[in-house]
């Protein structure tokens, strides 16, 4: 049974205090790493001021929410990842999706049974340029910061300005806004579900052990959930038939993704051919589950037609674009300076840059690339069978007349054989995914694209490293030439 993912969200009324608590080694017994997407800690103080000011102006009762925090539970095997890399990966993933600043910490509980991340994020974005309000006349503020109309209201009995009262001169800035409005998404009920799916996918991508993978079923996704059949259920046969069609739909979705059909197109078919048809059926005939089997069958036909269109279009393309991620990294050999006595002094001063560390996730690339090729091969074989069946149906439709009964029967038998063969191959296609540890094709492609992304980043880092090595070598050569010239001049002068 796959473990359920755990992501909890808290509202923070004292963001500075919370940051100190999660990032302090004095307060945390097992603190492994901290990370921030913003360099200045003053960002959080200014954010708190902005939220407090906005809260006072709104007149809302209760406490001001200065920021929000996510607590993300991780599989215990993730302790083998380099802590800074793991924390940066999870934090940057949030910022890339929601465009807000974050600060995070990686912890263990006291008994070291709960490995988790605390991720604090802002609900506002920092403006590129602050919005400033300029005073058009002198402005007066009392001890509590309240605006007063006249100077007389902030004077004491002797006519002097009272302590802690303030005067803003004409032409000076009396109000400065550094942030945008709060993003309303973070207050919605759907946000936590969205984040839970986001991090479940990321955990599954990073999981090395199959037992560490998590599964969260998305009711609004492409797949259909199967129903559990209890003991002595009088509708067991009906539920089983319903489940069979749901499984066939899910297998067809797997095929569609492998064939290159977009998720949005698959969701369109599901909405138009299943969701709307079920709603229409309920309006006409009431809640009758037996109609669902027929609705799903028609939806499968529509999705298979879409798959055929995509594969036929791909077959007509004369030149295929070679995917760079399937090409092997050919590292450039960097020649090092020779170990000669004259260069000894230069070599001590020249330090070659450190080669980038290969991400742990890269170890999954050979297996996942091989599986990708295998899935495409099996899918092409299914397509060939479907094309053959389609040709036989055309031949059958043209086979008319009293004297062609035998020929029609033979064609029908051949079509039936191909149907059974195709269904078996489709089941095998989804089984290959499950045997490899993936719940479905969507989960596989999520991991495939993530691994490819890591591979590209590593290749780019290696390329930069190679260029830096070449530059260091050139500098070392220049220094050696200068050294030789100095030795030559010194020798001539001694003579």
Protein backbone atom coordinates (compact mmCIF):
# COMPACT_ATOMS: atom_id res chain seq x y z
CA UNK A 1 0.00 0.00 0.00
CA UNK A 2 1.43 3.43 -0.95
CA UNK A 3 1.91 5.89 1.91
CA UNK A 4 -0.23 9.00 2.07
CA UNK A 5 1.63 12.26 1.64
CA UNK A 6 1.55 14.75 4.50
CA UNK A 7 1.64 18.50 3.90
CA UNK A 8 0.32 20.83 6.61
CA UNK A 9 -0.14 24.62 6.40
CA UNK A 10 0.02 27.06 9.33
CA UNK A 11 -0.74 30.80 9.53
CA UNK A 12 2.07 32.84 11.09
CA UNK A 13 1.31 35.87 13.26
CA UNK A 14 5.01 36.42 14.13
CA UNK A 15 7.07 35.51 11.06
CA UNK A 16 10.41 36.78 12.44
CA UNK A 17 10.03 34.73 15.60
CA UNK A 18 9.10 31.62 13.62
CA UNK A 19 12.10 32.03 11.29
CA UNK A 20 14.40 32.27 14.30
CA UNK A 21 12.82 29.15 15.82
CA UNK A 22 13.14 26.88 12.75
CA UNK A 23 16.64 28.06 11.77
CA UNK A 24 18.34 28.25 15.18
CA UNK A 25 20.70 25.41 16.15
CA UNK A 26 20.18 26.37 19.80
CA UNK A 27 16.43 25.72 19.50
CA UNK A 28 16.57 22.74 17.11
CA UNK A 29 18.25 19.52 18.20
CA UNK A 30 18.44 18.05 14.68
CA UNK A 31 18.81 20.93 12.19
CA UNK A 32 20.49 19.82 8.94
CA UNK A 33 20.20 22.80 6.59
CA UNK A 34 18.64 26.22 6.09
CA UNK A 35 17.95 28.02 2.83
CA UNK A 36 16.45 31.32 1.70
CA UNK A 37 15.48 32.66 -1.70
CA UNK A 38 16.08 36.25 -0.59
CA UNK A 39 19.49 37.44 0.58
CA UNK A 40 18.39 40.12 3.07
CA UNK A 41 16.70 39.02 6.33
CA UNK A 42 15.20 42.53 6.47
CA UNK A 43 12.79 41.36 3.74
CA UNK A 44 10.74 39.47 6.34
CA UNK A 45 10.73 42.39 8.79
CA UNK A 46 9.48 44.75 6.05
CA UNK A 47 6.88 42.16 5.02
CA UNK A 48 5.62 41.92 8.60
CA UNK A 49 5.36 45.75 8.82
CA UNK A 50 3.43 45.88 5.55
CA UNK A 51 0.98 43.21 6.69
CA UNK A 52 0.47 44.81 10.10
CA UNK A 53 -0.19 48.20 8.52
CA UNK A 54 -2.65 46.72 6.02
CA UNK A 55 -4.36 44.81 8.85
CA UNK A 56 -4.82 47.98 10.93
CA UNK A 57 -6.24 49.87 7.97
CA UNK A 58 -8.75 47.10 7.22
CA UNK A 59 -10.18 47.24 10.75
CA UNK A 60 -10.41 43.44 10.83
CA UNK A 61 -10.67 41.73 14.24
CA UNK A 62 -8.36 38.93 15.31
CA UNK A 63 -4.64 38.60 14.56
CA UNK A 64 -2.66 39.71 11.52
CA UNK A 65 -1.31 36.92 9.28
CA UNK A 66 2.26 37.95 8.41
CA UNK A 67 3.17 34.83 6.36
CA UNK A 68 2.32 31.15 5.97
CA UNK A 69 4.26 27.95 6.65
CA UNK A 70 4.20 24.49 5.07
CA UNK A 71 5.39 21.40 6.93
CA UNK A 72 6.33 18.72 4.38
CA UNK A 73 6.99 15.15 5.57
CA UNK A 74 9.73 13.29 3.66
CA UNK A 75 10.51 9.57 3.30
CA UNK A 76 13.25 8.46 5.71
CA UNK A 77 15.47 7.31 2.82
CA UNK A 78 15.84 10.98 1.85
CA UNK A 79 18.46 11.31 4.61
CA UNK A 80 20.90 9.92 2.03
CA UNK A 81 20.47 13.02 -0.12
CA UNK A 82 22.83 15.93 0.48
CA UNK A 83 20.75 18.15 2.86
CA UNK A 84 21.50 21.51 1.19
CA UNK A 85 20.64 20.11 -2.26
CA UNK A 86 17.40 18.51 -1.04
CA UNK A 87 16.19 21.64 0.78
CA UNK A 88 17.11 23.95 -2.11
CA UNK A 89 15.31 21.65 -4.58
CA UNK A 90 12.05 21.63 -2.61
CA UNK A 91 12.14 25.36 -1.81
CA UNK A 92 12.99 26.50 -5.35
CA UNK A 93 10.21 24.23 -6.63
CA UNK A 94 7.67 26.24 -4.62
CA UNK A 95 9.09 29.60 -5.70
CA UNK A 96 9.10 28.61 -9.39
CA UNK A 97 5.42 27.66 -9.18
CA UNK A 98 4.09 30.55 -7.07
CA UNK A 99 6.67 33.37 -7.62
CA UNK A 100 7.02 34.33 -3.94
CA UNK A 101 10.03 34.44 -1.61
CA UNK A 102 10.66 31.59 0.82
CA UNK A 103 12.85 30.60 3.74
CA UNK A 104 13.14 26.98 4.86
CA UNK A 105 14.81 24.52 7.20
CA UNK A 106 15.36 20.74 7.15
CA UNK A 107 14.72 18.94 10.46
CA UNK A 108 14.44 15.62 12.23
CA UNK A 109 12.33 15.22 15.34
CA UNK A 110 14.05 14.23 18.62
CA UNK A 111 13.59 10.47 18.05
CA UNK A 112 14.67 10.85 14.39
CA UNK A 113 11.49 9.22 13.11
CA UNK A 114 10.09 12.23 11.23
CA UNK A 115 12.25 13.82 8.51
CA UNK A 116 10.56 17.02 7.37
CA UNK A 117 10.88 20.50 5.87
CA UNK A 118 9.55 23.76 7.31
CA UNK A 119 8.91 26.15 4.42
CA UNK A 120 7.82 29.71 5.21
CA UNK A 121 6.54 31.75 2.27
CA UNK A 122 5.34 35.31 1.69
CA UNK A 123 1.82 36.00 0.42
CA UNK A 124 3.03 39.20 -1.26
CA UNK A 125 5.62 39.83 -3.97
CA UNK A 126 8.31 42.49 -3.71
CA UNK A 127 7.69 45.36 -6.12
CA UNK A 128 10.41 46.17 -8.66
CA UNK A 129 10.08 49.82 -7.66
CA UNK A 130 8.51 50.98 -4.36
CA UNK A 131 5.31 53.02 -4.56
CA UNK A 132 5.89 56.31 -2.68
CA UNK A 133 3.42 58.96 -1.58
CA UNK A 134 4.74 62.54 -1.36
CA UNK A 135 3.31 65.04 1.13
CA UNK A 136 1.67 68.04 -0.60
CA UNK A 137 1.71 69.92 2.74
CA UNK A 138 3.16 69.45 6.22
CA UNK A 139 1.69 66.38 7.91
CA UNK A 140 1.49 65.76 11.66
CA UNK A 141 1.41 62.44 13.56
CA UNK A 142 0.88 61.88 17.31
CA UNK A 143 2.61 59.38 19.62
CA UNK A 144 0.49 56.48 18.34
CA UNK A 145 1.21 57.25 14.70
CA UNK A 146 -2.27 58.67 14.03
CA UNK A 147 -2.51 61.48 11.49
CA UNK A 148 -3.54 64.91 12.93
CA UNK A 149 -4.88 67.81 10.88
CA UNK A 150 -3.02 70.66 12.60
CA UNK A 151 0.32 71.14 14.32
CA UNK A 152 -1.45 72.45 17.43
CA UNK A 153 -2.70 68.91 18.17
CA UNK A 154 0.85 67.56 18.73
CA UNK A 155 2.19 70.47 20.83
CA UNK A 156 2.64 70.47 24.59
CA UNK A 157 1.73 73.26 27.01
CA UNK A 158 4.95 75.18 26.27
CA UNK A 159 4.32 75.10 22.50
CA UNK A 160 6.95 72.45 21.70
CA UNK A 161 6.34 69.23 19.74
CA UNK A 162 5.66 66.38 22.16
CA UNK A 163 8.09 63.44 22.32
CA UNK A 164 7.50 60.65 19.77
CA UNK A 165 5.28 62.94 17.70
CA UNK A 166 6.40 63.40 14.12
CA UNK A 167 6.22 66.07 11.41
CA UNK A 168 6.53 65.16 7.69
CA UNK A 169 7.54 68.24 5.70
CA UNK A 170 5.98 69.15 2.37
CA UNK A 171 7.73 67.28 -0.47
CA UNK A 172 8.92 64.42 1.78
CA UNK A 173 7.78 60.78 1.50
CA UNK A 174 5.08 60.02 4.08
CA UNK A 175 4.18 56.54 2.93
CA UNK A 176 6.12 53.84 1.05
CA UNK A 177 4.75 50.54 -0.25
CA UNK A 178 7.28 47.79 -1.07
CA UNK A 179 4.91 44.90 -1.77
CA UNK A 180 1.98 43.85 -3.94
CA UNK A 181 -1.40 42.86 -2.52
CA UNK A 182 -1.74 39.42 -0.93
CA UNK A 183 -2.26 36.57 -3.39
CA UNK A 184 -5.81 35.36 -2.75
CA UNK A 185 -4.88 31.86 -3.97
CA UNK A 186 -3.12 31.13 -0.66
CA UNK A 187 -6.41 31.64 1.22
CA UNK A 188 -8.43 29.28 -0.98
CA UNK A 189 -9.44 25.74 0.00
CA UNK A 190 -7.93 24.35 -3.22
CA UNK A 191 -4.42 25.67 -2.53
CA UNK A 192 -3.38 23.03 0.03
CA UNK A 193 -4.65 20.21 -2.22
CA UNK A 194 -2.68 21.70 -5.11
CA UNK A 195 0.52 21.94 -3.03
CA UNK A 196 0.02 18.40 -1.76
CA UNK A 197 -0.10 17.08 -5.33
CA UNK A 198 2.86 19.29 -6.28
CA UNK A 199 5.10 17.87 -3.56
CA UNK A 200 3.82 14.30 -3.89
CA UNK A 201 4.96 14.38 -7.53
CA UNK A 202 8.35 15.82 -6.54
CA UNK A 203 8.86 13.23 -3.78
CA UNK A 204 8.03 10.44 -6.24
CA UNK A 205 10.53 11.88 -8.73
CA UNK A 206 13.28 12.00 -6.09
CA UNK A 207 12.46 8.63 -4.49
CA UNK A 208 15.15 6.03 -5.15
CA UNK A 209 13.26 3.21 -3.41
CA UNK A 210 9.91 2.21 -4.90
CA UNK A 211 8.34 1.78 -1.43
CA UNK A 212 8.99 5.48 -0.75
CA UNK A 213 6.71 6.64 -3.56
CA UNK A 214 3.46 8.32 -2.57
CA UNK A 215 0.15 8.30 -4.37
CA UNK A 216 -2.59 10.94 -4.24
CA UNK A 217 -5.55 10.31 -6.47
CA UNK A 218 -6.73 13.42 -8.29
CA UNK A 219 -10.48 13.28 -8.95
CA UNK A 220 -10.12 16.14 -11.42
CA UNK A 221 -7.30 14.40 -13.28
CA UNK A 222 -7.28 12.22 -16.39
CA UNK A 223 -7.86 8.85 -14.71
CA UNK A 224 -10.96 7.20 -13.26
CA UNK A 225 -10.97 5.62 -9.79
CA UNK A 226 -12.10 2.01 -9.44
CA UNK A 227 -14.63 1.05 -6.77
CA UNK A 228 -13.97 -1.37 -3.93
CA UNK A 229 -16.21 -4.47 -3.91
CA UNK A 230 -17.12 -5.53 -0.37
CA UNK A 231 -18.06 -9.01 0.78
CA UNK A 232 -21.57 -10.25 -0.08
CA UNK A 233 -22.28 -7.13 -2.11
CA UNK A 234 -25.47 -7.78 -4.17
CA UNK A 235 -24.17 -5.46 -6.89
CA UNK A 236 -20.73 -7.10 -7.10
CA UNK A 237 -21.13 -8.15 -10.75
CA UNK A 238 -22.30 -4.68 -11.77
CA UNK A 239 -19.41 -2.97 -9.92
CA UNK A 240 -16.90 -5.42 -11.42
CA UNK A 241 -18.13 -4.67 -14.97
CA UNK A 242 -17.96 -0.96 -14.19
CA UNK A 243 -14.41 -1.34 -12.86
CA UNK A 244 -13.32 -3.21 -15.99
CA UNK A 245 -14.36 -0.26 -18.16
CA UNK A 246 -12.68 2.18 -15.80
CA UNK A 247 -9.46 0.16 -16.06
CA UNK A 248 -9.78 0.13 -19.88
CA UNK A 249 -10.16 3.93 -19.83
CA UNK A 250 -7.07 4.30 -17.61
CA UNK A 251 -5.08 2.02 -19.95
CA UNK A 252 -6.19 4.13 -22.91
CA UNK A 253 -5.07 7.28 -21.08
CA UNK A 254 -1.64 5.66 -20.57
CA UNK A 255 -1.47 4.94 -24.29
CA UNK A 256 -2.57 8.46 -25.16
CA UNK A 257 0.24 9.99 -23.08
CA UNK A 258 2.83 7.62 -24.58
CA UNK A 259 1.52 8.51 -28.06
CA UNK A 260 2.04 12.21 -27.43
CA UNK A 261 -1.55 13.33 -26.79
CA UNK A 262 -1.55 16.35 -24.44
CA UNK A 263 -3.07 16.15 -20.95
CA UNK A 264 -5.45 18.99 -21.83
CA UNK A 265 -6.81 17.07 -24.84
CA UNK A 266 -7.34 13.97 -22.70
CA UNK A 267 -9.13 16.04 -20.05
CA UNK A 268 -11.33 17.57 -22.78
CA UNK A 269 -12.41 14.08 -23.87
CA UNK A 270 -13.09 13.10 -20.26
CA UNK A 271 -15.14 16.25 -19.63
CA UNK A 272 -17.14 16.06 -22.87
CA UNK A 273 -17.63 12.30 -23.18
CA UNK A 274 -17.84 11.21 -19.52
CA UNK A 275 -18.57 14.06 -17.07
CA UNK A 276 -21.16 15.85 -19.24
CA UNK A 277 -22.74 12.60 -20.46
CA UNK A 278 -23.10 11.29 -16.89
CA UNK A 279 -24.71 14.57 -15.83
CA UNK A 280 -27.07 14.44 -18.83
CA UNK A 281 -27.95 10.79 -18.08
CA UNK A 282 -28.80 11.61 -14.46
CA UNK A 283 -31.07 14.48 -15.60
CA UNK A 284 -32.95 12.16 -17.98
CA UNK A 285 -33.04 8.80 -16.18
CA UNK A 286 -31.96 9.49 -12.61
CA UNK A 287 -28.98 7.90 -10.87
CA UNK A 288 -28.56 4.65 -12.81
CA UNK A 289 -24.94 3.34 -12.56
CA UNK A 290 -25.54 0.68 -15.24
CA UNK A 291 -25.48 3.44 -17.91
CA UNK A 292 -21.91 4.38 -16.96
CA UNK A 293 -20.37 1.36 -18.72
CA UNK A 294 -21.79 2.45 -22.08
CA UNK A 295 -20.71 6.08 -21.52
CA UNK A 296 -17.11 5.03 -20.73
CA UNK A 297 -16.98 2.75 -23.79
CA UNK A 298 -17.93 5.62 -26.09
CA UNK A 299 -15.36 7.85 -24.36
CA UNK A 300 -12.67 5.20 -24.95
CA UNK A 301 -13.55 5.13 -28.67
CA UNK A 302 -13.26 8.93 -28.84
CA UNK A 303 -9.86 8.86 -27.10
CA UNK A 304 -8.61 6.03 -29.35
CA UNK A 305 -9.62 8.09 -32.38
CA UNK A 306 -7.57 10.99 -31.01
CA UNK A 307 -4.59 8.66 -30.48
CA UNK A 308 -4.84 7.45 -34.09
CA UNK A 309 -4.85 11.03 -35.39
CA UNK A 310 -1.72 11.90 -33.39
CA UNK A 311 0.16 8.75 -34.47
CA UNK A 312 -0.83 9.16 -38.12
CA UNK A 313 0.35 12.77 -38.06
CA UNK A 314 3.65 11.65 -36.51
CA UNK A 315 4.07 8.93 -39.15
CA UNK A 316 3.80 11.53 -41.93
CA UNK A 317 6.63 13.64 -40.56
CA UNK A 318 9.63 13.07 -42.80
CA UNK A 319 12.32 14.19 -40.40
CA UNK A 320 12.18 13.38 -36.72
CA UNK A 321 13.71 15.77 -34.23
CA UNK A 322 16.44 14.04 -32.23
CA UNK A 323 15.86 14.45 -28.50
CA UNK A 324 19.03 15.80 -26.94
CA UNK A 325 18.38 13.99 -23.67
CA UNK A 326 19.03 10.61 -25.34
CA UNK A 327 22.51 11.66 -26.42
CA UNK A 328 25.39 10.66 -24.19
CA UNK A 329 27.49 13.29 -22.47
CA UNK A 330 30.83 13.47 -24.21
CA UNK A 331 33.06 15.27 -21.77
CA UNK A 332 35.78 17.41 -23.22
CA UNK A 333 39.21 16.27 -22.11
CA UNK A 334 41.02 19.16 -20.54
CA UNK A 335 44.80 19.02 -20.79
CA UNK A 336 46.53 19.88 -17.54
CA UNK A 337 49.77 21.86 -17.26
CA UNK A 338 52.84 19.60 -17.38
CA UNK A 339 54.69 18.90 -14.15
CA UNK A 340 57.97 20.66 -14.91
CA UNK A 341 60.28 22.37 -12.41
CA UNK A 342 59.91 25.75 -14.13
CA UNK A 343 56.11 25.60 -13.75
CA UNK A 344 56.10 24.45 -10.15
CA UNK A 345 55.67 27.96 -8.76
CA UNK A 346 52.89 28.73 -11.25
CA UNK A 347 51.00 25.49 -10.50
CA UNK A 348 50.94 26.29 -6.80
CA UNK A 349 49.11 29.54 -7.57
CA UNK A 350 46.71 28.16 -10.22
CA UNK A 351 43.80 26.11 -8.91
CA UNK A 352 41.50 24.40 -11.35
CA UNK A 353 37.77 24.73 -10.56
CA UNK A 354 36.02 21.81 -8.88
CA UNK A 355 34.02 19.56 -11.17
CA UNK A 356 30.21 19.69 -10.58
CA UNK A 357 28.84 16.85 -8.47
CA UNK A 358 26.52 14.57 -10.41
CA UNK A 359 22.99 14.71 -8.86
CA UNK A 360 21.79 11.49 -7.23
CA UNK A 361 18.69 11.63 -9.40
CA UNK A 362 20.91 11.12 -12.47
CA UNK A 363 21.40 7.49 -11.43
CA UNK A 364 17.80 6.83 -12.52
CA UNK A 365 18.32 8.15 -16.07
CA UNK A 366 19.57 4.98 -17.86
CA UNK A 367 16.66 2.88 -16.58
CA UNK A 368 14.01 5.52 -17.20
CA UNK A 369 15.29 6.28 -20.73
CA UNK A 370 15.28 2.55 -21.53
CA UNK A 371 11.69 2.26 -20.26
CA UNK A 372 10.67 5.25 -22.41
CA UNK A 373 12.01 3.49 -25.54
CA UNK A 374 10.29 0.24 -24.58
CA UNK A 375 6.90 1.94 -24.06
CA UNK A 376 7.12 3.69 -27.44
CA UNK A 377 8.06 0.40 -29.15
CA UNK A 378 5.07 -1.43 -27.64
CA UNK A 379 2.76 1.46 -28.49
CA UNK A 380 3.87 1.41 -32.15
CA UNK A 381 3.13 -2.34 -32.29
CA UNK A 382 -0.40 -1.70 -30.99
CA UNK A 383 -0.86 1.00 -33.61
CA UNK A 384 0.12 -1.45 -36.38
CA UNK A 385 -2.51 -3.93 -35.13
CA UNK A 386 -5.16 -1.18 -35.01
CA UNK A 387 -4.32 -0.09 -38.56
CA UNK A 388 -4.64 -3.68 -39.77
CA UNK A 389 -7.99 -3.99 -38.02
CA UNK A 390 -9.17 -0.72 -39.56
CA UNK A 391 -8.30 -1.98 -43.04
CA UNK A 392 -10.23 -5.21 -42.41
CA UNK A 393 -13.30 -3.22 -41.31
CA UNK A 394 -13.16 -1.22 -44.54
CA UNK A 395 -12.90 -4.46 -46.49
CA UNK A 396 -15.83 -5.91 -44.54
CA UNK A 397 -18.02 -2.88 -45.27
CA UNK A 398 -17.32 -3.34 -48.99
CA UNK A 399 -17.97 -7.09 -48.87
CA UNK A 400 -21.66 -7.22 -49.83
CA UNK A 401 -23.79 -9.68 -51.75
CA UNK A 402 -25.35 -13.08 -51.20
CA UNK A 403 -22.28 -15.05 -52.38
CA UNK A 404 -19.82 -13.40 -49.96
CA UNK A 405 -21.14 -14.75 -46.64
CA UNK A 406 -18.10 -16.98 -46.15
CA UNK A 407 -15.71 -14.11 -46.86
CA UNK A 408 -17.58 -11.82 -44.44
CA UNK A 409 -17.42 -14.47 -41.72
CA UNK A 410 -13.65 -14.86 -42.21
CA UNK A 411 -13.16 -11.11 -42.02
CA UNK A 412 -15.24 -10.89 -38.81
CA UNK A 413 -13.18 -13.70 -37.23
CA UNK A 414 -9.92 -11.98 -38.15
CA UNK A 415 -11.20 -8.68 -36.70
CA UNK A 416 -12.16 -10.47 -33.46
CA UNK A 417 -8.67 -12.04 -33.21
CA UNK A 418 -7.04 -8.63 -33.72
CA UNK A 419 -9.34 -7.07 -31.09
CA UNK A 420 -8.28 -9.66 -28.50
CA UNK A 421 -4.62 -9.23 -29.44
CA UNK A 422 -4.80 -5.44 -29.19
CA UNK A 423 -6.57 -5.58 -25.79
CA UNK A 424 -3.91 -7.94 -24.46
CA UNK A 425 -1.12 -5.68 -25.70
CA UNK A 426 -2.76 -2.61 -24.11
CA UNK A 427 -3.01 -4.42 -20.77
CA UNK A 428 0.65 -5.43 -21.09
CA UNK A 429 1.62 -1.80 -21.78
CA UNK A 430 0.13 -0.61 -18.49
CA UNK A 431 1.57 -3.66 -16.69
CA UNK A 432 5.09 -2.69 -17.84
CA UNK A 433 4.59 0.69 -16.14
CA UNK A 434 3.37 -0.89 -12.90
CA UNK A 435 6.20 -3.43 -12.87
CA UNK A 436 8.64 -0.52 -13.13
CA UNK A 437 7.05 1.05 -10.03
CA UNK A 438 4.76 3.67 -11.63
CA UNK A 439 1.05 3.93 -10.90
CA UNK A 440 0.37 5.20 -14.44
CA UNK A 441 1.92 6.92 -17.46
CA UNK A 442 1.33 10.40 -16.00
CA UNK A 443 3.53 9.53 -13.00
CA UNK A 444 6.19 8.07 -15.31
CA UNK A 445 6.37 11.15 -17.56
CA UNK A 446 6.47 13.49 -14.55
CA UNK A 447 9.59 11.67 -13.37
CA UNK A 448 11.03 11.38 -16.89
CA UNK A 449 10.82 15.14 -17.52
CA UNK A 450 12.29 15.91 -14.08
CA UNK A 451 15.24 13.56 -14.62
CA UNK A 452 15.81 15.04 -18.07
CA UNK A 453 15.79 18.51 -16.54
CA UNK A 454 18.41 17.48 -13.97
CA UNK A 455 20.51 15.94 -16.74
CA UNK A 456 20.39 19.14 -18.80
CA UNK A 457 21.39 21.25 -15.78
CA UNK A 458 24.30 18.90 -15.03
CA UNK A 459 25.46 18.99 -18.66
CA UNK A 460 25.35 22.81 -18.65
CA UNK A 461 27.30 22.90 -15.37
CA UNK A 462 29.90 20.50 -16.85
CA UNK A 463 30.20 22.71 -19.93
CA UNK A 464 30.83 25.79 -17.77
CA UNK A 465 33.36 23.80 -15.73
CA UNK A 466 35.23 22.74 -18.88
CA UNK A 467 35.39 26.35 -20.09
CA UNK A 468 36.74 27.49 -16.71
CA UNK A 469 39.38 24.73 -16.83
CA UNK A 470 40.48 25.87 -20.28
CA UNK A 471 40.74 29.48 -19.06
CA UNK A 472 42.78 28.37 -16.04
CA UNK A 473 45.08 26.40 -18.33
CA UNK A 474 45.58 29.43 -20.60
CA UNK A 475 46.37 31.64 -17.59
CA UNK A 476 48.84 29.05 -16.31
CA UNK A 477 50.54 28.99 -19.74
CA UNK A 478 50.82 32.80 -19.76
CA UNK A 479 52.32 32.77 -16.26
CA UNK A 480 54.85 30.08 -17.27
CA UNK A 481 55.93 32.10 -20.30
CA UNK A 482 56.41 35.18 -18.11
CA UNK A 483 58.38 33.08 -15.61
CA UNK A 484 60.67 31.75 -18.35
CA UNK A 485 61.25 35.29 -19.66
CA UNK A 486 62.20 36.53 -16.17
CA UNK A 487 64.67 33.60 -15.76
CA UNK A 488 66.20 34.33 -19.17
CA UNK A 489 66.66 38.07 -18.43
CA UNK A 490 68.10 37.34 -14.97
CA UNK A 491 70.62 34.88 -16.46
CA UNK A 492 71.77 37.42 -19.08
CA UNK A 493 72.19 40.12 -16.43
CA UNK A 494 74.29 37.81 -14.21
CA UNK A 495 76.63 37.26 -17.13
